[in-house]
Amino acid sequence: MPVTVVNAVDGMQLTAAELSAVYVADGLYEPHYPFPLGRGEIACFLSHRKVWGMILERGLDYGVVLEDDDVVDSKALQNAVVLTDAATDGSAYVSLQTRPVPSGRRIATSHGCRLLDVSPPPLRTSGQIVGRHAALRLLDLTKRFDRPIDALIQMTWITGVPVLCASPSGISDWPEPVGGSVAQVKHRRGLLEIIRREMARTLYRRRFAALARLHRTI
């Protein structure tokens, strides 16, 4: 496949006006996301929007989007792409996970690769195959956003974009650290702050799970 290396959006270069134009800190959707986004997380979201726009501008049926520190098994990735093309119509978003994929309803199988409907979809955006119609829908929906990209992609009842998982995905992490993500900046926190954040995260996950179950049955 032809490859384009895309320069990510640099969060440190974003002005206050640019940040406020896209990020809604007081929330857009339920459940309310409990943590403010950092510049890196906002820039990560904008980087994905940049790639979605490129998929549309180039008239592609699909775009395979990979992070720069992914290790690629070219044959397995090819199988995932071919299966996606055969089994979906361009409206799906196929997650390529570097971790084991949870069990889910099997949609299609070919050459040892499975497309699974996992509910809720797993977090992370290490890799994905984004169909043209999915890119158009996501680009239109995310002119403003209130949470990290993977947290929004999970909310299929909001996006209207079905998320499938390819297993095996054809990508994995480097066996040794290579610098890590700059989307989230780690801060030293006191014990009370750690406890507060864990409680907020647990409450968010419970509310999210309840909404996911509700919309799964509608």
N, C-alpha and C. Protein backbone atom coordinates (compact mmCIF):
# COMPACT_ATOMS: atom_id res chain seq x y z
N MET A 1 0.85 -1.19 0.00
CA MET A 1 0.00 0.00 0.00
C MET A 1 0.88 1.24 0.00
N PRO A 2 0.47 2.27 -0.72
CA PRO A 2 1.21 3.54 -0.63
C PRO A 2 1.09 4.11 0.78
N VAL A 3 2.18 4.67 1.27
CA VAL A 3 2.24 5.15 2.65
C VAL A 3 2.51 6.65 2.66
N THR A 4 1.81 7.36 3.51
CA THR A 4 2.06 8.78 3.76
C THR A 4 2.35 8.97 5.23
N VAL A 5 3.48 9.58 5.54
CA VAL A 5 3.80 9.94 6.92
C VAL A 5 3.17 11.31 7.18
N VAL A 6 2.27 11.35 8.15
CA VAL A 6 1.51 12.58 8.43
C VAL A 6 2.09 13.24 9.68
N ASN A 7 2.42 14.50 9.55
CA ASN A 7 2.88 15.26 10.71
C ASN A 7 1.71 15.51 11.65
N ALA A 8 1.85 15.08 12.89
CA ALA A 8 0.78 15.26 13.86
C ALA A 8 0.65 16.74 14.24
N VAL A 9 -0.52 17.09 14.73
CA VAL A 9 -0.74 18.43 15.26
C VAL A 9 0.06 18.57 16.56
N ASP A 10 0.75 19.68 16.72
CA ASP A 10 1.57 19.95 17.91
C ASP A 10 0.73 20.75 18.90
N GLY A 11 0.39 20.11 20.01
CA GLY A 11 -0.45 20.77 21.00
C GLY A 11 0.16 22.02 21.58
N MET A 12 1.48 22.07 21.67
CA MET A 12 2.15 23.24 22.25
C MET A 12 2.07 24.46 21.33
N GLN A 13 1.76 24.23 20.05
CA GLN A 13 1.66 25.32 19.11
C GLN A 13 0.23 25.87 18.98
N LEU A 14 -0.72 25.22 19.63
CA LEU A 14 -2.11 25.66 19.55
C LEU A 14 -2.34 26.88 20.43
N THR A 15 -3.00 27.88 19.90
CA THR A 15 -3.32 29.07 20.69
C THR A 15 -4.54 28.81 21.56
N ALA A 16 -4.76 29.69 22.52
CA ALA A 16 -5.93 29.56 23.39
C ALA A 16 -7.22 29.61 22.57
N ALA A 17 -7.24 30.46 21.54
CA ALA A 17 -8.43 30.56 20.69
C ALA A 17 -8.65 29.27 19.91
N GLU A 18 -7.58 28.66 19.43
CA GLU A 18 -7.70 27.40 18.69
C GLU A 18 -8.18 26.28 19.59
N LEU A 19 -7.71 26.27 20.83
CA LEU A 19 -8.14 25.25 21.78
C LEU A 19 -9.62 25.40 22.10
N SER A 20 -10.04 26.62 22.41
CA SER A 20 -11.44 26.84 22.80
C SER A 20 -12.40 26.65 21.63
N ALA A 21 -11.89 26.75 20.41
CA ALA A 21 -12.75 26.57 19.24
C ALA A 21 -13.17 25.12 19.04
N VAL A 22 -12.36 24.18 19.57
CA VAL A 22 -12.65 22.77 19.34
C VAL A 22 -12.98 21.99 20.62
N TYR A 23 -12.46 22.44 21.76
CA TYR A 23 -12.62 21.68 23.00
C TYR A 23 -13.70 22.29 23.88
N VAL A 24 -14.67 21.46 24.27
CA VAL A 24 -15.77 21.90 25.13
C VAL A 24 -15.55 21.27 26.51
N ALA A 25 -14.99 22.04 27.42
CA ALA A 25 -14.61 21.50 28.72
C ALA A 25 -15.82 21.14 29.58
N ASP A 26 -16.95 21.83 29.40
CA ASP A 26 -18.10 21.57 30.26
C ASP A 26 -18.99 20.46 29.72
N GLY A 27 -18.56 19.80 28.65
CA GLY A 27 -19.24 18.58 28.21
C GLY A 27 -20.24 18.78 27.09
N LEU A 28 -20.30 17.78 26.23
CA LEU A 28 -21.28 17.72 25.15
C LEU A 28 -22.24 16.55 25.30
N TYR A 29 -21.71 15.44 25.81
CA TYR A 29 -22.48 14.20 25.84
C TYR A 29 -22.45 13.59 27.24
N GLU A 30 -23.45 12.75 27.49
CA GLU A 30 -23.49 11.95 28.71
C GLU A 30 -22.94 10.56 28.42
N PRO A 31 -22.19 9.98 29.36
CA PRO A 31 -21.81 10.56 30.65
C PRO A 31 -20.73 11.62 30.51
N HIS A 32 -20.79 12.61 31.40
CA HIS A 32 -19.80 13.68 31.38
C HIS A 32 -18.41 13.11 31.60
N TYR A 33 -17.44 13.52 30.76
CA TYR A 33 -16.08 13.03 30.92
C TYR A 33 -15.45 13.74 32.11
N PRO A 34 -14.93 12.99 33.09
CA PRO A 34 -14.59 13.60 34.38
C PRO A 34 -13.25 14.35 34.44
N PHE A 35 -12.44 14.28 33.38
CA PHE A 35 -11.11 14.88 33.45
C PHE A 35 -10.92 15.91 32.32
N PRO A 36 -10.28 17.03 32.63
CA PRO A 36 -9.99 17.99 31.57
C PRO A 36 -8.94 17.43 30.62
N LEU A 37 -9.07 17.77 29.35
CA LEU A 37 -8.10 17.29 28.37
C LEU A 37 -6.87 18.20 28.36
N GLY A 38 -5.71 17.60 28.24
CA GLY A 38 -4.48 18.35 28.07
C GLY A 38 -4.27 18.71 26.61
N ARG A 39 -3.29 19.55 26.38
CA ARG A 39 -2.98 19.97 25.01
C ARG A 39 -2.65 18.77 24.12
N GLY A 40 -1.93 17.80 24.67
CA GLY A 40 -1.57 16.63 23.88
C GLY A 40 -2.77 15.82 23.44
N GLU A 41 -3.76 15.66 24.33
CA GLU A 41 -4.96 14.91 23.99
C GLU A 41 -5.79 15.64 22.93
N ILE A 42 -5.86 16.96 23.06
CA ILE A 42 -6.59 17.74 22.06
C ILE A 42 -5.88 17.65 20.71
N ALA A 43 -4.55 17.77 20.73
CA ALA A 43 -3.78 17.68 19.50
C ALA A 43 -3.91 16.30 18.86
N CYS A 44 -3.96 15.25 19.69
CA CYS A 44 -4.14 13.89 19.18
C CYS A 44 -5.47 13.79 18.43
N PHE A 45 -6.52 14.33 19.03
CA PHE A 45 -7.83 14.31 18.38
C PHE A 45 -7.77 15.06 17.05
N LEU A 46 -7.15 16.23 17.04
CA LEU A 46 -7.05 17.01 15.82
C LEU A 46 -6.21 16.31 14.76
N SER A 47 -5.22 15.54 15.18
CA SER A 47 -4.41 14.79 14.24
C SER A 47 -5.25 13.73 13.52
N HIS A 48 -6.12 13.06 14.26
CA HIS A 48 -7.00 12.08 13.64
C HIS A 48 -7.99 12.76 12.70
N ARG A 49 -8.51 13.91 13.08
CA ARG A 49 -9.40 14.65 12.18
C ARG A 49 -8.67 15.03 10.89
N LYS A 50 -7.41 15.36 11.02
CA LYS A 50 -6.59 15.69 9.85
C LYS A 50 -6.51 14.50 8.89
N VAL A 51 -6.32 13.31 9.45
CA VAL A 51 -6.22 12.11 8.62
C VAL A 51 -7.57 11.77 8.00
N TRP A 52 -8.66 11.92 8.76
CA TRP A 52 -9.99 11.67 8.17
C TRP A 52 -10.22 12.58 6.97
N GLY A 53 -9.81 13.83 7.10
CA GLY A 53 -9.94 14.76 5.98
C GLY A 53 -9.13 14.31 4.77
N MET A 54 -7.95 13.76 5.00
CA MET A 54 -7.11 13.27 3.91
C MET A 54 -7.76 12.08 3.20
N ILE A 55 -8.42 11.21 3.95
CA ILE A 55 -9.13 10.07 3.33
C ILE A 55 -10.17 10.57 2.35
N LEU A 56 -10.91 11.61 2.75
CA LEU A 56 -11.94 12.17 1.88
C LEU A 56 -11.34 12.92 0.70
N GLU A 57 -10.32 13.73 0.97
CA GLU A 57 -9.71 14.52 -0.10
C GLU A 57 -9.11 13.64 -1.19
N ARG A 58 -8.59 12.49 -0.81
CA ARG A 58 -7.95 11.59 -1.77
C ARG A 58 -8.92 10.60 -2.40
N GLY A 59 -10.18 10.65 -1.98
CA GLY A 59 -11.18 9.76 -2.56
C GLY A 59 -10.94 8.30 -2.27
N LEU A 60 -10.38 8.01 -1.09
CA LEU A 60 -10.07 6.63 -0.73
C LEU A 60 -11.32 5.90 -0.23
N ASP A 61 -11.39 4.61 -0.50
CA ASP A 61 -12.45 3.80 0.10
C ASP A 61 -12.19 3.60 1.58
N TYR A 62 -10.90 3.41 1.91
CA TYR A 62 -10.48 3.20 3.29
C TYR A 62 -9.12 3.86 3.49
N GLY A 63 -8.86 4.24 4.73
CA GLY A 63 -7.52 4.64 5.12
C GLY A 63 -7.08 3.78 6.28
N VAL A 64 -5.85 3.26 6.21
CA VAL A 64 -5.27 2.50 7.31
C VAL A 64 -4.40 3.46 8.10
N VAL A 65 -4.77 3.72 9.34
CA VAL A 65 -4.12 4.74 10.16
C VAL A 65 -3.33 4.04 11.26
N LEU A 66 -2.03 4.27 11.28
CA LEU A 66 -1.16 3.61 12.26
C LEU A 66 -0.33 4.65 13.00
N GLU A 67 -0.11 4.41 14.29
CA GLU A 67 0.80 5.26 15.04
C GLU A 67 2.24 4.97 14.65
N ASP A 68 3.11 5.93 14.88
CA ASP A 68 4.48 5.79 14.39
C ASP A 68 5.31 4.78 15.16
N ASP A 69 4.82 4.30 16.30
CA ASP A 69 5.58 3.31 17.05
C ASP A 69 4.96 1.91 16.98
N ASP A 70 4.05 1.69 16.02
CA ASP A 70 3.50 0.35 15.83
C ASP A 70 4.52 -0.55 15.13
N VAL A 71 4.52 -1.81 15.51
CA VAL A 71 5.26 -2.84 14.79
C VAL A 71 4.26 -3.56 13.90
N VAL A 72 4.56 -3.67 12.61
CA VAL A 72 3.59 -4.18 11.64
C VAL A 72 3.98 -5.56 11.15
N ASP A 73 3.01 -6.47 11.24
CA ASP A 73 3.10 -7.77 10.56
C ASP A 73 2.35 -7.58 9.25
N SER A 74 3.09 -7.40 8.16
CA SER A 74 2.47 -6.97 6.91
C SER A 74 1.43 -7.95 6.39
N LYS A 75 1.66 -9.25 6.53
CA LYS A 75 0.71 -10.23 6.04
C LYS A 75 -0.58 -10.19 6.84
N ALA A 76 -0.46 -10.15 8.17
CA ALA A 76 -1.66 -10.11 9.01
C ALA A 76 -2.44 -8.82 8.79
N LEU A 77 -1.74 -7.71 8.63
CA LEU A 77 -2.42 -6.44 8.37
C LEU A 77 -3.12 -6.48 7.02
N GLN A 78 -2.46 -7.05 6.02
CA GLN A 78 -3.08 -7.18 4.71
C GLN A 78 -4.37 -8.00 4.80
N ASN A 79 -4.33 -9.09 5.56
CA ASN A 79 -5.53 -9.91 5.72
C ASN A 79 -6.66 -9.11 6.37
N ALA A 80 -6.32 -8.27 7.36
CA ALA A 80 -7.33 -7.45 8.02
C ALA A 80 -7.94 -6.44 7.06
N VAL A 81 -7.10 -5.85 6.21
CA VAL A 81 -7.59 -4.86 5.25
C VAL A 81 -8.48 -5.52 4.20
N VAL A 82 -8.04 -6.66 3.67
CA VAL A 82 -8.82 -7.36 2.65
C VAL A 82 -10.17 -7.80 3.22
N LEU A 83 -10.18 -8.31 4.45
CA LEU A 83 -11.43 -8.74 5.07
C LEU A 83 -12.35 -7.55 5.31
N THR A 84 -11.79 -6.44 5.75
CA THR A 84 -12.59 -5.23 5.96
C THR A 84 -13.24 -4.79 4.66
N ASP A 85 -12.47 -4.79 3.59
CA ASP A 85 -12.99 -4.37 2.29
C ASP A 85 -14.11 -5.28 1.82
N ALA A 86 -13.97 -6.59 2.09
CA ALA A 86 -14.96 -7.55 1.62
C ALA A 86 -16.23 -7.56 2.47
N ALA A 87 -16.08 -7.29 3.76
CA ALA A 87 -17.19 -7.51 4.69
C ALA A 87 -17.91 -6.24 5.12
N THR A 88 -17.38 -5.05 4.79
CA THR A 88 -18.01 -3.80 5.19
C THR A 88 -18.19 -2.90 3.97
N ASP A 89 -18.97 -1.85 4.17
CA ASP A 89 -19.32 -0.99 3.04
C ASP A 89 -18.74 0.41 3.11
N GLY A 90 -17.71 0.61 3.92
CA GLY A 90 -17.11 1.93 4.04
C GLY A 90 -17.66 2.76 5.17
N SER A 91 -18.70 2.25 5.85
CA SER A 91 -19.28 3.00 6.96
C SER A 91 -18.70 2.58 8.29
N ALA A 92 -17.88 1.53 8.27
CA ALA A 92 -17.36 0.98 9.53
C ALA A 92 -15.99 1.55 9.87
N TYR A 93 -15.69 1.48 11.14
CA TYR A 93 -14.40 1.85 11.71
C TYR A 93 -13.86 0.57 12.33
N VAL A 94 -12.75 0.07 11.82
CA VAL A 94 -12.19 -1.19 12.30
C VAL A 94 -10.99 -0.89 13.18
N SER A 95 -11.08 -1.27 14.44
CA SER A 95 -10.02 -1.04 15.40
C SER A 95 -8.95 -2.10 15.27
N LEU A 96 -7.70 -1.64 15.21
CA LEU A 96 -6.54 -2.53 15.19
C LEU A 96 -5.84 -2.38 16.53
N GLN A 97 -6.04 -3.35 17.39
CA GLN A 97 -5.53 -3.28 18.75
C GLN A 97 -4.15 -3.95 18.85
N THR A 98 -3.31 -3.41 19.73
CA THR A 98 -2.04 -4.06 20.03
C THR A 98 -2.18 -5.03 21.21
N ARG A 99 -3.34 -5.01 21.84
CA ARG A 99 -3.62 -5.92 22.96
C ARG A 99 -4.62 -6.97 22.51
N PRO A 100 -4.76 -8.08 23.25
CA PRO A 100 -5.78 -9.07 22.90
C PRO A 100 -7.16 -8.44 22.85
N VAL A 101 -7.94 -8.83 21.86
CA VAL A 101 -9.28 -8.28 21.67
C VAL A 101 -10.28 -9.07 22.51
N PRO A 102 -11.17 -8.37 23.25
CA PRO A 102 -12.20 -9.10 24.00
C PRO A 102 -13.09 -9.91 23.05
N SER A 103 -13.76 -10.90 23.58
CA SER A 103 -14.65 -11.71 22.76
C SER A 103 -15.81 -10.87 22.26
N GLY A 104 -16.30 -11.22 21.11
CA GLY A 104 -17.42 -10.49 20.52
C GLY A 104 -18.09 -11.31 19.44
N ARG A 105 -19.16 -10.77 18.91
CA ARG A 105 -19.90 -11.47 17.84
C ARG A 105 -19.09 -11.45 16.55
N ARG A 106 -18.92 -12.63 15.97
CA ARG A 106 -18.11 -12.73 14.75
C ARG A 106 -18.91 -12.24 13.55
N ILE A 107 -18.35 -11.30 12.81
CA ILE A 107 -19.00 -10.74 11.62
C ILE A 107 -18.53 -11.44 10.36
N ALA A 108 -17.23 -11.70 10.27
CA ALA A 108 -16.67 -12.34 9.08
C ALA A 108 -15.31 -12.93 9.43
N THR A 109 -14.89 -13.92 8.63
CA THR A 109 -13.60 -14.57 8.83
C THR A 109 -12.97 -14.85 7.47
N SER A 110 -11.66 -14.63 7.37
CA SER A 110 -10.94 -14.95 6.14
C SER A 110 -9.46 -15.01 6.43
N HIS A 111 -8.79 -16.06 5.93
CA HIS A 111 -7.34 -16.20 6.06
C HIS A 111 -6.86 -16.04 7.51
N GLY A 112 -7.63 -16.58 8.42
CA GLY A 112 -7.24 -16.55 9.83
C GLY A 112 -7.55 -15.25 10.54
N CYS A 113 -8.10 -14.26 9.84
CA CYS A 113 -8.47 -12.99 10.46
C CYS A 113 -9.98 -12.96 10.71
N ARG A 114 -10.36 -12.44 11.86
CA ARG A 114 -11.78 -12.33 12.21
C ARG A 114 -12.15 -10.86 12.41
N LEU A 115 -13.33 -10.49 11.95
CA LEU A 115 -13.91 -9.20 12.29
C LEU A 115 -14.94 -9.44 13.38
N LEU A 116 -14.76 -8.77 14.53
CA LEU A 116 -15.60 -8.99 15.69
C LEU A 116 -16.35 -7.72 16.06
N ASP A 117 -17.60 -7.91 16.44
CA ASP A 117 -18.40 -6.82 16.99
C ASP A 117 -18.28 -6.92 18.50
N VAL A 118 -17.43 -6.08 19.09
CA VAL A 118 -17.16 -6.10 20.52
C VAL A 118 -17.89 -4.94 21.18
N SER A 119 -18.66 -5.22 22.21
CA SER A 119 -19.42 -4.17 22.88
C SER A 119 -19.11 -4.15 24.38
N PRO A 120 -18.65 -2.97 24.86
CA PRO A 120 -18.31 -1.78 24.08
C PRO A 120 -16.96 -1.95 23.40
N PRO A 121 -16.69 -1.17 22.35
CA PRO A 121 -15.38 -1.27 21.68
C PRO A 121 -14.26 -0.91 22.66
N PRO A 122 -13.11 -1.55 22.50
CA PRO A 122 -11.99 -1.24 23.40
C PRO A 122 -11.42 0.14 23.13
N LEU A 123 -10.78 0.70 24.15
CA LEU A 123 -10.10 1.97 24.00
C LEU A 123 -8.80 1.78 23.21
N ARG A 124 -8.11 2.87 22.97
CA ARG A 124 -6.85 2.97 22.23
C ARG A 124 -7.09 3.23 20.74
N THR A 125 -6.17 3.99 20.18
CA THR A 125 -6.20 4.25 18.74
C THR A 125 -4.83 3.95 18.13
N SER A 126 -4.24 2.82 18.52
CA SER A 126 -2.94 2.44 17.98
C SER A 126 -3.01 2.24 16.48
N GLY A 127 -4.14 1.73 16.00
CA GLY A 127 -4.34 1.54 14.57
C GLY A 127 -5.81 1.38 14.28
N GLN A 128 -6.20 1.74 13.08
CA GLN A 128 -7.57 1.58 12.65
C GLN A 128 -7.68 1.62 11.13
N ILE A 129 -8.73 0.99 10.63
CA ILE A 129 -9.07 1.09 9.22
C ILE A 129 -10.36 1.90 9.17
N VAL A 130 -10.29 3.07 8.55
CA VAL A 130 -11.42 4.00 8.57
C VAL A 130 -12.02 4.10 7.17
N GLY A 131 -13.26 3.68 7.04
CA GLY A 131 -13.95 3.78 5.76
C GLY A 131 -14.31 5.22 5.42
N ARG A 132 -14.52 5.46 4.15
CA ARG A 132 -14.81 6.82 3.67
C ARG A 132 -16.05 7.42 4.35
N HIS A 133 -17.12 6.64 4.42
CA HIS A 133 -18.35 7.15 5.03
C HIS A 133 -18.18 7.38 6.52
N ALA A 134 -17.39 6.52 7.17
CA ALA A 134 -17.10 6.70 8.59
C ALA A 134 -16.30 7.99 8.80
N ALA A 135 -15.32 8.22 7.94
CA ALA A 135 -14.50 9.44 8.05
C ALA A 135 -15.36 10.68 7.88
N LEU A 136 -16.28 10.65 6.92
CA LEU A 136 -17.16 11.80 6.69
C LEU A 136 -18.03 12.06 7.91
N ARG A 137 -18.62 11.02 8.47
CA ARG A 137 -19.49 11.16 9.63
C ARG A 137 -18.71 11.68 10.84
N LEU A 138 -17.54 11.10 11.10
CA LEU A 138 -16.75 11.50 12.26
C LEU A 138 -16.23 12.92 12.11
N LEU A 139 -15.82 13.28 10.92
CA LEU A 139 -15.31 14.63 10.70
C LEU A 139 -16.41 15.67 10.94
N ASP A 140 -17.61 15.35 10.50
CA ASP A 140 -18.73 16.28 10.68
C ASP A 140 -19.13 16.38 12.16
N LEU A 141 -19.07 15.26 12.86
CA LEU A 141 -19.53 15.22 14.26
C LEU A 141 -18.55 15.89 15.21
N THR A 142 -17.27 15.87 14.89
CA THR A 142 -16.25 16.25 15.87
C THR A 142 -15.64 17.63 15.62
N LYS A 143 -16.42 18.51 15.05
CA LYS A 143 -15.93 19.89 14.92
C LYS A 143 -15.63 20.47 16.30
N ARG A 144 -16.36 19.99 17.28
CA ARG A 144 -16.07 20.27 18.69
C ARG A 144 -16.20 18.97 19.46
N PHE A 145 -15.40 18.80 20.49
CA PHE A 145 -15.40 17.54 21.23
C PHE A 145 -15.11 17.80 22.69
N ASP A 146 -15.45 16.81 23.54
CA ASP A 146 -15.36 17.00 25.00
C ASP A 146 -14.58 15.91 25.71
N ARG A 147 -13.97 14.97 24.95
CA ARG A 147 -13.28 13.85 25.57
C ARG A 147 -12.23 13.32 24.59
N PRO A 148 -11.32 12.45 25.04
CA PRO A 148 -10.32 11.90 24.13
C PRO A 148 -10.96 11.14 22.98
N ILE A 149 -10.22 11.01 21.90
CA ILE A 149 -10.78 10.41 20.70
C ILE A 149 -11.27 8.98 20.94
N ASP A 150 -10.51 8.16 21.66
CA ASP A 150 -10.93 6.78 21.83
C ASP A 150 -12.18 6.67 22.70
N ALA A 151 -12.34 7.61 23.64
CA ALA A 151 -13.54 7.60 24.48
C ALA A 151 -14.78 7.96 23.67
N LEU A 152 -14.62 8.84 22.67
CA LEU A 152 -15.76 9.18 21.82
C LEU A 152 -16.06 8.06 20.82
N ILE A 153 -15.03 7.47 20.23
CA ILE A 153 -15.24 6.39 19.27
C ILE A 153 -16.03 5.25 19.90
N GLN A 154 -15.84 5.02 21.21
CA GLN A 154 -16.59 3.99 21.93
C GLN A 154 -18.10 4.24 21.91
N MET A 155 -18.49 5.51 21.82
CA MET A 155 -19.89 5.90 21.97
C MET A 155 -20.60 5.82 20.62
N THR A 156 -20.78 4.60 20.15
CA THR A 156 -21.33 4.40 18.81
C THR A 156 -22.76 4.92 18.67
N TRP A 157 -23.48 5.00 19.77
CA TRP A 157 -24.85 5.54 19.71
C TRP A 157 -24.82 7.05 19.47
N ILE A 158 -23.71 7.71 19.76
CA ILE A 158 -23.55 9.13 19.46
C ILE A 158 -22.99 9.32 18.06
N THR A 159 -21.95 8.56 17.72
CA THR A 159 -21.28 8.76 16.44
C THR A 159 -22.07 8.20 15.26
N GLY A 160 -22.85 7.14 15.50
CA GLY A 160 -23.50 6.47 14.39
C GLY A 160 -22.53 5.67 13.54
N VAL A 161 -21.32 5.47 14.02
CA VAL A 161 -20.29 4.74 13.29
C VAL A 161 -20.05 3.39 13.98
N PRO A 162 -20.39 2.28 13.33
CA PRO A 162 -20.14 0.97 13.96
C PRO A 162 -18.64 0.71 14.07
N VAL A 163 -18.24 0.14 15.20
CA VAL A 163 -16.83 -0.17 15.44
C VAL A 163 -16.67 -1.68 15.50
N LEU A 164 -15.80 -2.20 14.66
CA LEU A 164 -15.46 -3.61 14.67
C LEU A 164 -13.99 -3.75 15.07
N CYS A 165 -13.60 -4.94 15.46
CA CYS A 165 -12.20 -5.22 15.81
C CYS A 165 -11.68 -6.33 14.91
N ALA A 166 -10.49 -6.12 14.36
CA ALA A 166 -9.83 -7.16 13.58
C ALA A 166 -8.91 -7.96 14.49
N SER A 167 -8.98 -9.29 14.39
CA SER A 167 -8.14 -10.15 15.22
C SER A 167 -7.65 -11.34 14.39
N PRO A 168 -6.33 -11.48 14.21
CA PRO A 168 -5.28 -10.57 14.68
C PRO A 168 -5.26 -9.28 13.87
N SER A 169 -4.74 -8.24 14.49
CA SER A 169 -4.79 -6.91 13.88
C SER A 169 -3.65 -6.66 12.90
N GLY A 170 -2.53 -7.36 13.12
CA GLY A 170 -1.36 -7.11 12.29
C GLY A 170 -0.44 -6.05 12.85
N ILE A 171 -0.75 -5.52 14.03
CA ILE A 171 0.14 -4.56 14.65
C ILE A 171 0.38 -4.95 16.10
N SER A 172 1.52 -4.52 16.63
CA SER A 172 1.86 -4.78 18.02
C SER A 172 2.75 -3.65 18.51
N ASP A 173 2.99 -3.63 19.83
CA ASP A 173 3.87 -2.63 20.43
C ASP A 173 5.32 -3.07 20.27
N TRP A 174 6.23 -2.09 20.28
CA TRP A 174 7.64 -2.41 20.33
C TRP A 174 7.93 -3.14 21.64
N PRO A 175 8.84 -4.12 21.61
CA PRO A 175 9.14 -4.85 22.84
C PRO A 175 9.81 -3.99 23.91
N GLU A 176 10.45 -2.90 23.50
CA GLU A 176 11.08 -1.98 24.44
C GLU A 176 10.48 -0.60 24.27
N PRO A 177 10.39 0.20 25.34
CA PRO A 177 9.85 1.56 25.23
C PRO A 177 10.63 2.38 24.21
N VAL A 178 9.90 3.17 23.41
CA VAL A 178 10.54 4.02 22.41
C VAL A 178 10.15 5.48 22.59
N GLY A 179 9.81 5.85 23.80
CA GLY A 179 9.46 7.24 24.05
C GLY A 179 8.05 7.43 24.55
N GLY A 180 7.14 6.53 24.12
CA GLY A 180 5.77 6.59 24.62
C GLY A 180 4.96 7.71 24.01
N SER A 181 3.69 7.75 24.39
CA SER A 181 2.78 8.76 23.88
C SER A 181 3.03 10.11 24.54
N VAL A 182 2.83 11.17 23.75
CA VAL A 182 2.89 12.52 24.32
C VAL A 182 1.49 13.09 24.46
N ALA A 183 0.46 12.26 24.21
CA ALA A 183 -0.90 12.75 24.31
C ALA A 183 -1.26 13.08 25.75
N GLN A 184 -0.74 12.30 26.68
CA GLN A 184 -1.03 12.53 28.09
C GLN A 184 0.27 12.81 28.83
N VAL A 185 0.29 13.89 29.55
CA VAL A 185 1.46 14.25 30.35
C VAL A 185 1.23 13.74 31.77
N LYS A 186 2.18 12.97 32.27
CA LYS A 186 2.04 12.40 33.60
C LYS A 186 2.46 13.43 34.66
N HIS A 187 1.63 13.58 35.67
CA HIS A 187 1.92 14.49 36.76
C HIS A 187 2.04 13.70 38.06
N ARG A 188 2.87 14.18 38.95
CA ARG A 188 2.95 13.57 40.27
C ARG A 188 1.75 14.05 41.08
N ARG A 189 1.01 13.10 41.63
CA ARG A 189 -0.20 13.44 42.36
C ARG A 189 -0.13 12.87 43.76
N GLY A 190 -0.76 13.58 44.69
CA GLY A 190 -0.85 13.11 46.05
C GLY A 190 -1.86 11.98 46.17
N LEU A 191 -1.84 11.33 47.32
CA LEU A 191 -2.72 10.17 47.53
C LEU A 191 -4.19 10.54 47.39
N LEU A 192 -4.61 11.67 47.97
CA LEU A 192 -6.02 12.06 47.89
C LEU A 192 -6.44 12.33 46.45
N GLU A 193 -5.55 12.93 45.67
CA GLU A 193 -5.88 13.20 44.27
C GLU A 193 -5.97 11.90 43.48
N ILE A 194 -5.10 10.96 43.78
CA ILE A 194 -5.16 9.66 43.10
C ILE A 194 -6.47 8.96 43.42
N ILE A 195 -6.87 8.99 44.69
CA ILE A 195 -8.13 8.36 45.09
C ILE A 195 -9.32 9.06 44.41
N ARG A 196 -9.29 10.39 44.39
CA ARG A 196 -10.39 11.14 43.76
C ARG A 196 -10.52 10.78 42.28
N ARG A 197 -9.40 10.70 41.59
CA ARG A 197 -9.43 10.38 40.17
C ARG A 197 -9.92 8.96 39.92
N GLU A 198 -9.50 8.04 40.76
CA GLU A 198 -9.94 6.66 40.59
C GLU A 198 -11.44 6.52 40.82
N MET A 199 -11.96 7.26 41.80
CA MET A 199 -13.40 7.23 42.04
C MET A 199 -14.16 7.83 40.86
N ALA A 200 -13.65 8.94 40.32
CA ALA A 200 -14.29 9.58 39.17
C ALA A 200 -14.24 8.66 37.95
N ARG A 201 -13.11 7.99 37.77
CA ARG A 201 -12.98 7.08 36.62
C ARG A 201 -13.94 5.90 36.75
N THR A 202 -14.05 5.35 37.96
CA THR A 202 -14.95 4.23 38.18
C THR A 202 -16.40 4.63 37.93
N LEU A 203 -16.79 5.80 38.42
CA LEU A 203 -18.16 6.26 38.22
C LEU A 203 -18.44 6.49 36.74
N TYR A 204 -17.47 7.06 36.03
CA TYR A 204 -17.64 7.29 34.59
C TYR A 204 -17.82 5.96 33.86
N ARG A 205 -17.00 4.99 34.19
CA ARG A 205 -17.08 3.70 33.50
C ARG A 205 -18.42 3.01 33.76
N ARG A 206 -18.93 3.14 34.99
CA ARG A 206 -20.23 2.53 35.29
C ARG A 206 -21.35 3.21 34.51
N ARG A 207 -21.30 4.53 34.44
CA ARG A 207 -22.32 5.25 33.68
C ARG A 207 -22.23 4.93 32.20
N PHE A 208 -20.98 4.85 31.71
CA PHE A 208 -20.79 4.51 30.31
C PHE A 208 -21.33 3.11 30.01
N ALA A 209 -21.00 2.15 30.85
CA ALA A 209 -21.45 0.78 30.64
C ALA A 209 -22.97 0.69 30.64
N ALA A 210 -23.62 1.45 31.53
CA ALA A 210 -25.08 1.44 31.58
C ALA A 210 -25.67 2.01 30.28
N LEU A 211 -25.11 3.09 29.78
CA LEU A 211 -25.59 3.66 28.53
C LEU A 211 -25.33 2.73 27.36
N ALA A 212 -24.17 2.10 27.36
CA ALA A 212 -23.85 1.17 26.27
C ALA A 212 -24.83 0.01 26.24
N ARG A 213 -25.18 -0.52 27.42
CA ARG A 213 -26.15 -1.63 27.47
C ARG A 213 -27.52 -1.16 27.00
N LEU A 214 -27.91 0.03 27.43
CA LEU A 214 -29.21 0.57 27.05
C LEU A 214 -29.33 0.70 25.54
N HIS A 215 -28.34 1.30 24.91
CA HIS A 215 -28.41 1.53 23.47
C HIS A 215 -28.17 0.26 22.68
N ARG A 216 -27.52 -0.72 23.32
CA ARG A 216 -27.33 -2.00 22.65
C ARG A 216 -28.65 -2.73 22.47
N THR A 217 -29.60 -2.49 23.39
CA THR A 217 -30.87 -3.20 23.35
C THR A 217 -31.95 -2.44 22.61
N ILE A 218 -31.69 -1.17 22.24
CA ILE A 218 -32.71 -0.38 21.54
C ILE A 218 -32.80 -0.82 20.07
